C-alpha atoms as a PDB file:
ATOM      1  CA  UNK A   1      59.311  87.504  20.096  1.00  0.00           C
ATOM      2  CA  UNK A   2      60.329  84.359  18.230  1.00  0.00           C
ATOM      3  CA  UNK A   3      63.336  84.257  15.989  1.00  0.00           C
ATOM      4  CA  UNK A   4      61.738  82.106  13.355  1.00  0.00           C
ATOM      5  CA  UNK A   5      63.008  78.932  11.788  1.00  0.00           C
ATOM      6  CA  UNK A   6      66.711  79.865  11.585  1.00  0.00           C
ATOM      7  CA  UNK A   7      68.938  80.718  14.482  1.00  0.00           C
ATOM      8  CA  UNK A   8      71.119  83.766  14.324  1.00  0.00           C
ATOM      9  CA  UNK A   9      74.886  83.593  14.149  1.00  0.00           C
ATOM     10  CA  UNK A  10      76.759  83.362  17.437  1.00  0.00           C
ATOM     11  CA  UNK A  11      78.530  86.632  16.617  1.00  0.00           C
ATOM     12  CA  UNK A  12      75.278  88.511  16.892  1.00  0.00           C
ATOM     13  CA  UNK A  13      72.800  90.233  14.680  1.00  0.00           C
ATOM     14  CA  UNK A  14      73.695  92.346  11.716  1.00  0.00           C
ATOM     15  CA  UNK A  15      73.831  96.056  12.315  1.00  0.00           C
ATOM     16  CA  UNK A  16      73.314  98.508   9.487  1.00  0.00           C
ATOM     17  CA  UNK A  17      74.637 102.047   9.713  1.00  0.00           C
ATOM     18  CA  UNK A  18      72.272 104.859   8.952  1.00  0.00           C
ATOM     19  CA  UNK A  19      73.294 107.560   6.489  1.00  0.00           C
ATOM     20  CA  UNK A  20      73.637 110.034   9.339  1.00  0.00           C
ATOM     21  CA  UNK A  21      76.040 107.755  11.196  1.00  0.00           C
ATOM     22  CA  UNK A  22      78.057 107.289   8.052  1.00  0.00           C
ATOM     23  CA  UNK A  23      78.349 111.043   7.465  1.00  0.00           C
ATOM     24  CA  UNK A  24      79.244 111.672  11.067  1.00  0.00           C
ATOM     25  CA  UNK A  25      81.774 108.842  11.026  1.00  0.00           C
ATOM     26  CA  UNK A  26      80.313 107.265  14.153  1.00  0.00           C
ATOM     27  CA  UNK A  27      79.438 103.983  12.528  1.00  0.00           C
ATOM     28  CA  UNK A  28      79.769 100.964  14.751  1.00  0.00           C
ATOM     29  CA  UNK A  29      81.566  99.168  11.972  1.00  0.00           C
ATOM     30  CA  UNK A  30      84.837  97.522  13.087  1.00  0.00           C
ATOM     31  CA  UNK A  31      87.962  99.512  12.367  1.00  0.00           C
ATOM     32  CA  UNK A  32      89.597  96.673  10.448  1.00  0.00           C
ATOM     33  CA  UNK A  33      87.114  97.101   7.607  1.00  0.00           C
ATOM     34  CA  UNK A  34      87.629 100.844   7.252  1.00  0.00           C
ATOM     35  CA  UNK A  35      89.740 101.978   4.371  1.00  0.00           C
ATOM     36  CA  UNK A  36      92.686 104.044   5.360  1.00  0.00           C
ATOM     37  CA  UNK A  37      92.121 107.420   3.789  1.00  0.00           C
ATOM     38  CA  UNK A  38      95.408 108.828   4.925  1.00  0.00           C
ATOM     39  CA  UNK A  39      98.359 107.923   2.802  1.00  0.00           C
ATOM     40  CA  UNK A  40     101.811 109.138   3.755  1.00  0.00           C
ATOM     41  CA  UNK A  41     102.872 111.933   1.452  1.00  0.00           C
ATOM     42  CA  UNK A  42     106.471 111.947   0.317  1.00  0.00           C
ATOM     43  CA  UNK A  43     108.155 115.294  -0.209  1.00  0.00           C
ATOM     44  CA  UNK A  44     111.395 113.731  -1.353  1.00  0.00           C
ATOM     45  CA  UNK A  45     113.381 114.343  -4.522  1.00  0.00           C
ATOM     46  CA  UNK A  46     112.759 112.323  -7.674  1.00  0.00           C
ATOM     47  CA  UNK A  47     115.767 110.209  -6.833  1.00  0.00           C
ATOM     48  CA  UNK A  48     114.208 108.938  -3.614  1.00  0.00           C
ATOM     49  CA  UNK A  49     110.991 108.080  -5.498  1.00  0.00           C
ATOM     50  CA  UNK A  50     112.969 106.010  -7.973  1.00  0.00           C
ATOM     51  CA  UNK A  51     114.733 104.224  -5.127  1.00  0.00           C
ATOM     52  CA  UNK A  52     111.428 103.448  -3.426  1.00  0.00           C
ATOM     53  CA  UNK A  53     110.043 102.063  -6.689  1.00  0.00           C
ATOM     54  CA  UNK A  54     113.084  99.814  -7.027  1.00  0.00           C
ATOM     55  CA  UNK A  55     112.630  98.597  -3.461  1.00  0.00           C
ATOM     56  CA  UNK A  56     108.967  97.792  -4.166  1.00  0.00           C
ATOM     57  CA  UNK A  57     109.986  95.796  -7.218  1.00  0.00           C
ATOM     58  CA  UNK A  58     112.622  93.865  -5.297  1.00  0.00           C
ATOM     59  CA  UNK A  59     110.253  92.825  -2.525  1.00  0.00           C
ATOM     60  CA  UNK A  60     107.553  91.689  -4.926  1.00  0.00           C
ATOM     61  CA  UNK A  61     106.771  88.033  -4.245  1.00  0.00           C
ATOM     62  CA  UNK A  62     109.751  85.738  -3.805  1.00  0.00           C
ATOM     63  CA  UNK A  63     111.924  87.745  -6.164  1.00  0.00           C
ATOM     64  CA  UNK A  64     113.735  89.407  -3.269  1.00  0.00           C
ATOM     65  CA  UNK A  65     114.453  86.051  -1.624  1.00  0.00           C
ATOM     66  CA  UNK A  66     115.395  83.937  -4.650  1.00  0.00           C
ATOM     67  CA  UNK A  67     117.474  85.199  -7.524  1.00  0.00           C
ATOM     68  CA  UNK A  68     116.164  83.738 -10.743  1.00  0.00           C
ATOM     69  CA  UNK A  69     118.225  83.379 -13.900  1.00  0.00           C
ATOM     70  CA  UNK A  70     115.659  82.958 -16.629  1.00  0.00           C
ATOM     71  CA  UNK A  71     116.682  84.003 -20.163  1.00  0.00           C
ATOM     72  CA  UNK A  72     113.014  84.372 -21.125  1.00  0.00           C
ATOM     73  CA  UNK A  73     112.505  87.148 -18.588  1.00  0.00           C
ATOM     74  CA  UNK A  74     115.261  89.267 -20.081  1.00  0.00           C
ATOM     75  CA  UNK A  75     114.099  91.279 -23.031  1.00  0.00           C
ATOM     76  CA  UNK A  76     116.444  90.940 -26.010  1.00  0.00           C
ATOM     77  CA  UNK A  77     118.358  94.037 -26.961  1.00  0.00           C
ATOM     78  CA  UNK A  78     117.528  95.498 -30.325  1.00  0.00           C
ATOM     79  CA  UNK A  79     120.698  95.760 -32.351  1.00  0.00           C
ATOM     80  CA  UNK A  80     120.837  98.453 -34.980  1.00  0.00           C
ATOM     81  CA  UNK A  81     122.063  97.450 -38.399  1.00  0.00           C
ATOM     82  CA  UNK A  82     125.059  99.767 -38.226  1.00  0.00           C
ATOM     83  CA  UNK A  83     126.172  98.191 -34.947  1.00  0.00           C
ATOM     84  CA  UNK A  84     125.776  94.593 -36.076  1.00  0.00           C
ATOM     85  CA  UNK A  85     128.913  92.634 -36.882  1.00  0.00           C
ATOM     86  CA  UNK A  86     128.594  91.263 -40.386  1.00  0.00           C
ATOM     87  CA  UNK A  87     131.830  89.309 -40.144  1.00  0.00           C
ATOM     88  CA  UNK A  88     130.780  87.506 -36.973  1.00  0.00           C
ATOM     89  CA  UNK A  89     129.455  84.055 -37.810  1.00  0.00           C
ATOM     90  CA  UNK A  90     126.804  82.681 -35.547  1.00  0.00           C
ATOM     91  CA  UNK A  91     127.093  79.096 -34.414  1.00  0.00           C
ATOM     92  CA  UNK A  92     124.445  76.890 -35.962  1.00  0.00           C
ATOM     93  CA  UNK A  93     122.737  74.165 -33.992  1.00  0.00           C
ATOM     94  CA  UNK A  94     123.129  70.537 -35.016  1.00  0.00           C
ATOM     95  CA  UNK A  95     119.652  70.415 -36.521  1.00  0.00           C
ATOM     96  CA  UNK A  96     120.239  73.570 -38.556  1.00  0.00           C
ATOM     97  CA  UNK A  97     123.580  72.240 -39.860  1.00  0.00           C
ATOM     98  CA  UNK A  98     121.983  68.914 -40.794  1.00  0.00           C
ATOM     99  CA  UNK A  99     119.128  70.699 -42.565  1.00  0.00           C
ATOM    100  CA  UNK A 100     121.548  72.827 -44.607  1.00  0.00           C
ATOM    101  CA  UNK A 101     123.666  69.776 -45.500  1.00  0.00           C
ATOM    102  CA  UNK A 102     120.535  67.893 -46.535  1.00  0.00           C
ATOM    103  CA  UNK A 103     119.424  70.725 -48.819  1.00  0.00           C
ATOM    104  CA  UNK A 104     122.871  71.013 -50.415  1.00  0.00           C
ATOM    105  CA  UNK A 105     123.134  67.271 -51.038  1.00  0.00           C
ATOM    106  CA  UNK A 106     119.645  67.230 -52.570  1.00  0.00           C
ATOM    107  CA  UNK A 107     120.551  70.119 -54.890  1.00  0.00           C
ATOM    108  CA  UNK A 108     123.806  68.375 -55.893  1.00  0.00           C
ATOM    109  CA  UNK A 109     121.900  65.136 -56.600  1.00  0.00           C
ATOM    110  CA  UNK A 110     119.301  66.942 -58.720  1.00  0.00           C
ATOM    111  CA  UNK A 111     122.068  68.641 -60.761  1.00  0.00           C
ATOM    112  CA  UNK A 112     123.698  65.254 -61.437  1.00  0.00           C
ATOM    113  CA  UNK A 113     120.270  63.807 -62.226  1.00  0.00           C
ATOM    114  CA  UNK A 114     119.698  66.479 -64.878  1.00  0.00           C
ATOM    115  CA  UNK A 115     123.108  65.770 -66.393  1.00  0.00           C
ATOM    116  CA  UNK A 116     122.333  62.035 -66.454  1.00  0.00           C
ATOM    117  CA  UNK A 117     125.294  60.996 -64.306  1.00  0.00           C
ATOM    118  CA  UNK A 118     123.465  59.110 -61.557  1.00  0.00           C
ATOM    119  CA  UNK A 119     122.462  55.452 -61.746  1.00  0.00           C
ATOM    120  CA  UNK A 120     118.781  56.299 -61.563  1.00  0.00           C
ATOM    121  CA  UNK A 121     119.153  58.829 -64.376  1.00  0.00           C
ATOM    122  CA  UNK A 122     120.961  56.254 -66.514  1.00  0.00           C
ATOM    123  CA  UNK A 123     118.180  53.701 -65.905  1.00  0.00           C
ATOM    124  CA  UNK A 124     115.530  56.317 -66.727  1.00  0.00           C
ATOM    125  CA  UNK A 125     117.291  57.256 -69.962  1.00  0.00           C
ATOM    126  CA  UNK A 126     117.592  53.590 -70.993  1.00  0.00           C
ATOM    127  CA  UNK A 127     113.887  53.042 -70.264  1.00  0.00           C
ATOM    128  CA  UNK A 128     113.020  56.199 -72.195  1.00  0.00           C
ATOM    129  CA  UNK A 129     115.102  55.086 -75.186  1.00  0.00           C
ATOM    130  CA  UNK A 130     113.398  51.668 -75.129  1.00  0.00           C
ATOM    131  CA  UNK A 131     109.932  53.266 -75.039  1.00  0.00           C
ATOM    132  CA  UNK A 132     110.826  55.597 -77.917  1.00  0.00           C
ATOM    133  CA  UNK A 133     112.083  52.632 -79.949  1.00  0.00           C
ATOM    134  CA  UNK A 134     108.870  50.665 -79.265  1.00  0.00           C
ATOM    135  CA  UNK A 135     106.715  53.630 -80.271  1.00  0.00           C
ATOM    136  CA  UNK A 136     108.717  54.143 -83.468  1.00  0.00           C
ATOM    137  CA  UNK A 137     108.344  50.430 -84.337  1.00  0.00           C
ATOM    138  CA  UNK A 138     104.592  50.544 -83.637  1.00  0.00           C
ATOM    139  CA  UNK A 139     104.188  53.650 -85.821  1.00  0.00           C
ATOM    140  CA  UNK A 140     106.118  52.040 -88.670  1.00  0.00           C
ATOM    141  CA  UNK A 141     104.033  48.856 -88.376  1.00  0.00           C
ATOM    142  CA  UNK A 142     100.770  50.857 -88.472  1.00  0.00           C
ATOM    143  CA  UNK A 143     101.944  52.724 -91.560  1.00  0.00           C
ATOM    144  CA  UNK A 144     102.864  49.442 -93.284  1.00  0.00           C
ATOM    145  CA  UNK A 145      99.450  47.932 -92.426  1.00  0.00           C
ATOM    146  CA  UNK A 146      97.697  51.073 -93.718  1.00  0.00           C
ATOM    147  CA  UNK A 147      99.682  50.957 -96.968  1.00  0.00           C
ATOM    148  CA  UNK A 148      98.893  47.244 -97.375  1.00  0.00           C
ATOM    149  CA  UNK A 149      95.192  47.906 -96.783  1.00  0.00           C
ATOM    150  CA  UNK A 150      95.151  50.674 -99.393  1.00  0.00           C
ATOM    151  CA  UNK A 151      96.874  48.381-101.917  1.00  0.00           C
ATOM    152  CA  UNK A 152      94.255  45.708-101.261  1.00  0.00           C
ATOM    153  CA  UNK A 153      91.429  48.191-101.864  1.00  0.00           C
ATOM    154  CA  UNK A 154      93.090  49.464-105.041  1.00  0.00           C
ATOM    155  CA  UNK A 155      93.529  45.890-106.288  1.00  0.00           C
ATOM    156  CA  UNK A 156      89.861  45.095-105.495  1.00  0.00           C
ATOM    157  CA  UNK A 157      88.682  48.076-107.544  1.00  0.00           C
ATOM    158  CA  UNK A 158      90.587  47.089-110.630  1.00  0.00           C
END
């Protein structure tokens, strides 16, 4: 009988187990593919179980071979408010110190600006006084022109 277009694999044909063979456990399947149903049962105390769990954790990956010091792996401890030291001052980083100094200097400058003690404030006040003077002059001029116009109309009517 011909095999058809495709050759079979050199390892041989596929063999399927029948349900009876599977129930009887006489399948011709290789032993390496069988799942081990028997697991060793431990009748030790709870202490030995904890020790075995720790050993499993230690041998996980390369952790047992290489000791890693990574601050991100350590979970931070939660400090309760009653245990916290209020008197202890934490060291600020350079950027934080510079940011705080910048905010303080800006606040100090704005206070002086409001009081009119800075050069920019003095220039602004001079400019403001000049604008007020020009507006007052313009208003007075308009009033004089209006009064002159009314006098002209009154003189024309007479």
